[in-house]
N, C-alpha and C. Protein backbone atom coordinates (compact mmCIF):
# COMPACT_ATOMS: atom_id res chain seq x y z
N UNK A 1 105.63 118.83 101.62
CA UNK A 1 106.36 118.08 100.59
C UNK A 1 105.46 116.94 99.88
N UNK A 2 104.61 117.05 100.10
CA UNK A 2 103.69 115.64 99.31
C UNK A 2 102.88 116.15 97.81
N UNK A 3 103.73 117.14 97.38
CA UNK A 3 102.54 117.83 96.39
C UNK A 3 103.60 117.69 95.30
N UNK A 4 104.97 116.77 95.70
CA UNK A 4 106.25 116.79 94.63
C UNK A 4 105.84 115.72 93.94
N UNK A 5 106.46 114.79 93.15
CA UNK A 5 105.91 114.45 92.81
C UNK A 5 107.10 113.57 92.88
N UNK A 6 106.61 111.99 91.75
CA UNK A 6 107.57 110.48 91.81
C UNK A 6 108.78 110.88 90.68
N UNK A 7 109.83 111.47 90.57
CA UNK A 7 110.33 111.31 89.52
C UNK A 7 111.09 109.50 89.32
N UNK A 8 111.51 109.27 87.74
CA UNK A 8 112.24 107.73 87.42
C UNK A 8 113.32 108.02 88.06
N UNK A 9 114.05 108.58 88.78
CA UNK A 9 115.62 108.42 89.75
C UNK A 9 115.17 108.45 91.49
N UNK A 10 113.77 108.47 91.72
CA UNK A 10 113.33 108.96 93.01
C UNK A 10 114.01 107.66 93.62
N UNK A 11 113.77 107.81 94.79
CA UNK A 11 114.35 106.36 95.70
C UNK A 11 113.09 105.47 95.35
N UNK A 12 113.17 103.82 95.75
CA UNK A 12 112.01 102.98 95.54
C UNK A 12 111.00 103.29 97.35
N UNK A 13 110.08 103.32 96.85
CA UNK A 13 109.06 103.05 98.14
C UNK A 13 108.30 101.53 98.69
N UNK A 14 108.12 100.82 96.92
CA UNK A 14 107.72 99.62 97.67
C UNK A 14 108.58 99.12 97.11
N UNK A 15 108.58 97.54 97.92
CA UNK A 15 109.64 96.26 97.80
C UNK A 15 108.77 95.34 97.18
N UNK A 16 109.21 94.32 96.64
CA UNK A 16 108.75 92.88 97.19
C UNK A 16 109.61 92.15 96.35
N UNK A 17 110.20 90.49 97.21
CA UNK A 17 110.46 89.42 96.67
C UNK A 17 110.22 88.54 95.42
N UNK A 18 112.11 88.55 94.45
CA UNK A 18 110.75 87.58 93.81
C UNK A 18 111.74 86.68 93.42
N UNK A 19 110.09 86.13 93.36
CA UNK A 19 110.35 84.33 92.67
C UNK A 19 110.63 84.30 91.19
N UNK A 20 111.64 83.59 90.51
CA UNK A 20 112.23 83.37 89.06
C UNK A 20 111.18 82.41 88.21
N UNK A 21 110.51 83.44 86.98
CA UNK A 21 109.72 82.17 86.67
C UNK A 21 109.36 82.49 84.89
N UNK A 22 109.68 81.35 84.54
CA UNK A 22 109.47 81.66 82.77
C UNK A 22 107.93 81.21 82.20
N UNK A 23 107.41 81.46 83.20
CA UNK A 23 105.83 80.85 83.12
C UNK A 23 104.54 82.47 82.68
N UNK A 24 105.53 83.47 83.31
CA UNK A 24 104.38 84.60 83.55
C UNK A 24 105.30 85.42 84.42
N UNK A 25 104.46 87.14 84.15
CA UNK A 25 105.32 88.13 84.73
C UNK A 25 104.44 87.97 86.18
N UNK A 26 105.28 89.09 86.69
CA UNK A 26 105.34 88.30 88.35
C UNK A 26 104.76 89.76 89.01
N UNK A 27 104.62 91.12 87.32
CA UNK A 27 103.83 92.14 88.55
C UNK A 27 103.21 92.66 87.16
N UNK A 28 102.01 93.56 87.26
CA UNK A 28 101.55 94.39 86.61
C UNK A 28 102.24 95.07 85.38
N UNK A 29 102.61 95.75 86.14
CA UNK A 29 104.13 96.73 85.57
C UNK A 29 105.75 96.26 86.25
N UNK A 30 106.30 97.19 85.02
CA UNK A 30 107.98 97.22 85.82
C UNK A 30 107.97 98.20 86.78
N UNK A 31 109.29 96.79 87.77
CA UNK A 31 110.21 97.89 89.46
C UNK A 31 110.97 99.66 88.30
N UNK A 32 111.54 99.01 89.38
CA UNK A 32 112.28 100.60 89.04
C UNK A 32 113.40 100.08 88.96
N UNK A 33 113.81 99.07 89.58
CA UNK A 33 115.23 98.18 89.77
C UNK A 33 115.37 97.26 90.13
N UNK A 34 116.00 96.44 90.50
CA UNK A 34 116.31 94.42 91.36
C UNK A 34 117.09 94.58 92.03
N UNK A 35 117.32 94.47 93.31
CA UNK A 35 118.26 94.71 93.83
C UNK A 35 118.30 93.20 94.04
N UNK A 36 120.09 92.38 93.85
CA UNK A 36 120.79 91.21 93.56
C UNK A 36 121.45 90.78 95.27
N UNK A 37 120.28 89.63 96.28
CA UNK A 37 121.48 89.78 96.76
C UNK A 37 122.39 88.85 97.31
N UNK A 38 122.34 87.98 96.10
CA UNK A 38 124.37 86.33 95.85
C UNK A 38 124.31 86.89 94.91
N UNK A 39 125.53 87.02 94.25
CA UNK A 39 126.17 86.75 93.02
C UNK A 39 125.01 85.64 92.40
N UNK A 40 125.00 86.05 90.87
CA UNK A 40 124.57 84.80 89.83
C UNK A 40 124.63 85.89 88.54
N UNK A 41 123.75 84.81 87.88
CA UNK A 41 123.09 85.95 86.22
C UNK A 41 122.15 85.58 86.50
N UNK A 42 121.47 87.40 85.47
CA UNK A 42 119.58 87.53 86.08
C UNK A 42 119.09 87.66 85.31
N UNK A 43 118.52 86.70 84.82
CA UNK A 43 117.55 87.18 82.77
C UNK A 43 116.50 87.66 82.80
N UNK A 44 115.95 88.48 82.48
CA UNK A 44 114.79 89.50 82.56
C UNK A 44 114.67 90.01 81.50
N UNK A 45 113.11 89.83 80.96
CA UNK A 45 112.63 90.32 80.06
C UNK A 45 112.87 91.65 80.09
N UNK A 46 113.17 92.58 78.83
CA UNK A 46 112.88 93.77 78.07
C UNK A 46 111.45 94.44 77.79
N UNK A 47 111.34 96.05 77.87
CA UNK A 47 109.39 95.75 77.90
C UNK A 47 109.27 95.28 76.47
N UNK A 48 109.51 95.15 75.20
CA UNK A 48 109.19 94.77 74.54
C UNK A 48 109.51 93.28 74.60
N UNK A 49 109.50 92.30 75.87
CA UNK A 49 109.11 91.14 75.81
C UNK A 49 110.50 90.28 76.01
N UNK A 50 111.85 90.87 75.42
CA UNK A 50 112.67 90.13 74.60
C UNK A 50 113.95 89.85 75.91
N UNK A 51 114.56 88.04 76.33
CA UNK A 51 115.35 88.28 77.58
C UNK A 51 116.41 88.85 77.31
N UNK A 52 116.69 88.92 78.34
CA UNK A 52 118.49 89.07 78.32
C UNK A 52 118.72 88.98 79.69
N UNK A 53 120.08 88.63 79.42
CA UNK A 53 121.09 87.82 80.58
C UNK A 53 121.82 89.03 81.62
N UNK A 54 122.39 89.33 82.71
CA UNK A 54 122.73 90.02 82.83
C UNK A 54 123.90 89.04 83.41
N UNK A 55 125.01 88.64 83.18
CA UNK A 55 126.10 87.64 83.62
C UNK A 55 126.97 87.98 84.81
N UNK A 56 127.23 87.53 85.49
CA UNK A 56 127.70 87.63 87.10
C UNK A 56 127.53 89.06 88.03
N UNK A 57 126.70 89.42 88.16
CA UNK A 57 125.89 90.49 89.00
C UNK A 57 126.38 90.04 90.36
N UNK A 58 126.85 90.86 90.77
CA UNK A 58 127.73 90.64 91.95
C UNK A 58 126.45 91.36 93.53
N UNK A 59 126.62 90.48 94.78
CA UNK A 59 125.26 90.59 95.44
C UNK A 59 125.84 92.15 96.32
N UNK A 60 124.73 91.96 95.85
CA UNK A 60 124.69 94.07 96.99
C UNK A 60 124.29 94.65 96.01
N UNK A 61 124.58 94.32 94.19
CA UNK A 61 124.10 95.00 93.48
C UNK A 61 122.92 95.35 93.21
N UNK A 62 122.27 96.27 93.11
CA UNK A 62 121.41 97.31 92.56
C UNK A 62 121.31 97.43 91.44
N UNK A 63 120.47 96.63 90.11
CA UNK A 63 120.44 96.52 89.22
C UNK A 63 119.06 97.40 88.29
N UNK A 64 119.14 98.95 88.08
CA UNK A 64 118.89 99.97 87.20
C UNK A 64 118.24 99.01 85.88
N UNK A 65 117.30 98.01 85.84
CA UNK A 65 116.32 97.92 84.83
C UNK A 65 114.66 97.97 85.35
N UNK A 66 113.88 98.07 84.49
CA UNK A 66 112.25 97.87 84.01
C UNK A 66 112.39 96.61 83.40
N UNK A 67 111.71 95.60 84.58
CA UNK A 67 110.89 94.57 84.58
C UNK A 67 109.66 94.26 85.04
N UNK A 68 109.17 93.22 84.20
CA UNK A 68 108.12 92.72 85.12
C UNK A 68 108.24 90.79 85.03
N UNK A 69 109.38 89.97 84.34
CA UNK A 69 109.71 89.60 84.69
C UNK A 69 111.31 88.59 84.86
N UNK A 70 111.95 88.44 86.23
CA UNK A 70 113.39 87.72 86.43
C UNK A 70 112.54 85.91 85.96
N UNK A 71 114.14 85.76 84.36
CA UNK A 71 113.45 84.64 84.70
C UNK A 71 113.95 83.57 85.33
N UNK A 72 112.70 82.25 85.34
CA UNK A 72 114.38 81.07 86.36
C UNK A 72 114.85 80.49 84.79
N UNK A 73 114.88 80.41 83.82
CA UNK A 73 116.22 79.66 82.56
C UNK A 73 117.27 81.07 82.92
N UNK A 74 118.28 80.93 83.49
CA UNK A 74 119.31 81.54 82.89
C UNK A 74 119.73 82.27 83.43
N UNK A 75 118.61 82.21 85.22
CA UNK A 75 119.13 82.65 86.80
C UNK A 75 119.41 82.19 87.69
N UNK A 76 120.48 82.53 87.85
CA UNK A 76 121.80 81.76 89.14
C UNK A 76 121.74 82.74 90.50
N UNK A 77 122.08 83.69 90.35
CA UNK A 77 121.64 84.80 91.47
C UNK A 77 120.63 84.23 92.12
N UNK A 78 120.32 84.70 93.22
CA UNK A 78 118.54 84.44 94.12
C UNK A 78 118.98 85.90 95.23
N UNK A 79 117.54 85.15 96.28
CA UNK A 79 117.49 87.40 97.03
C UNK A 79 117.48 88.18 96.91
N UNK A 80 116.50 88.01 95.70
CA UNK A 80 115.82 89.06 94.25
C UNK A 80 114.94 89.76 94.36
N UNK A 81 114.78 91.09 94.99
CA UNK A 81 114.10 91.68 95.77
C UNK A 81 113.75 92.90 94.50
N UNK A 82 112.86 92.69 94.22
CA UNK A 82 111.88 94.37 92.95
C UNK A 82 111.84 95.75 93.82
N UNK A 83 112.18 96.68 93.55
CA UNK A 83 112.53 97.65 94.24
C UNK A 83 111.08 98.85 93.14
N UNK A 84 109.92 99.78 93.96
CA UNK A 84 109.33 100.03 93.09
C UNK A 84 108.95 101.72 93.49
């Protein structure tokens, strides 16, 4: 099965703990999704660099967003993990 390519809906194969920051992107390319470990708001940048906040994201949610940055301003959730 190694000849099969990974599609956009395939499961994640890499993971990284996220430290929210307003100063820089946390990765060179967007993640597939974010796992939210504790309930709160998640502020991210979209592909154009525009900030958007997802309010009241429940603990245990996998948020299907492609982003390079989780902003510290506006993010109240913790234990966030990027899925690739």
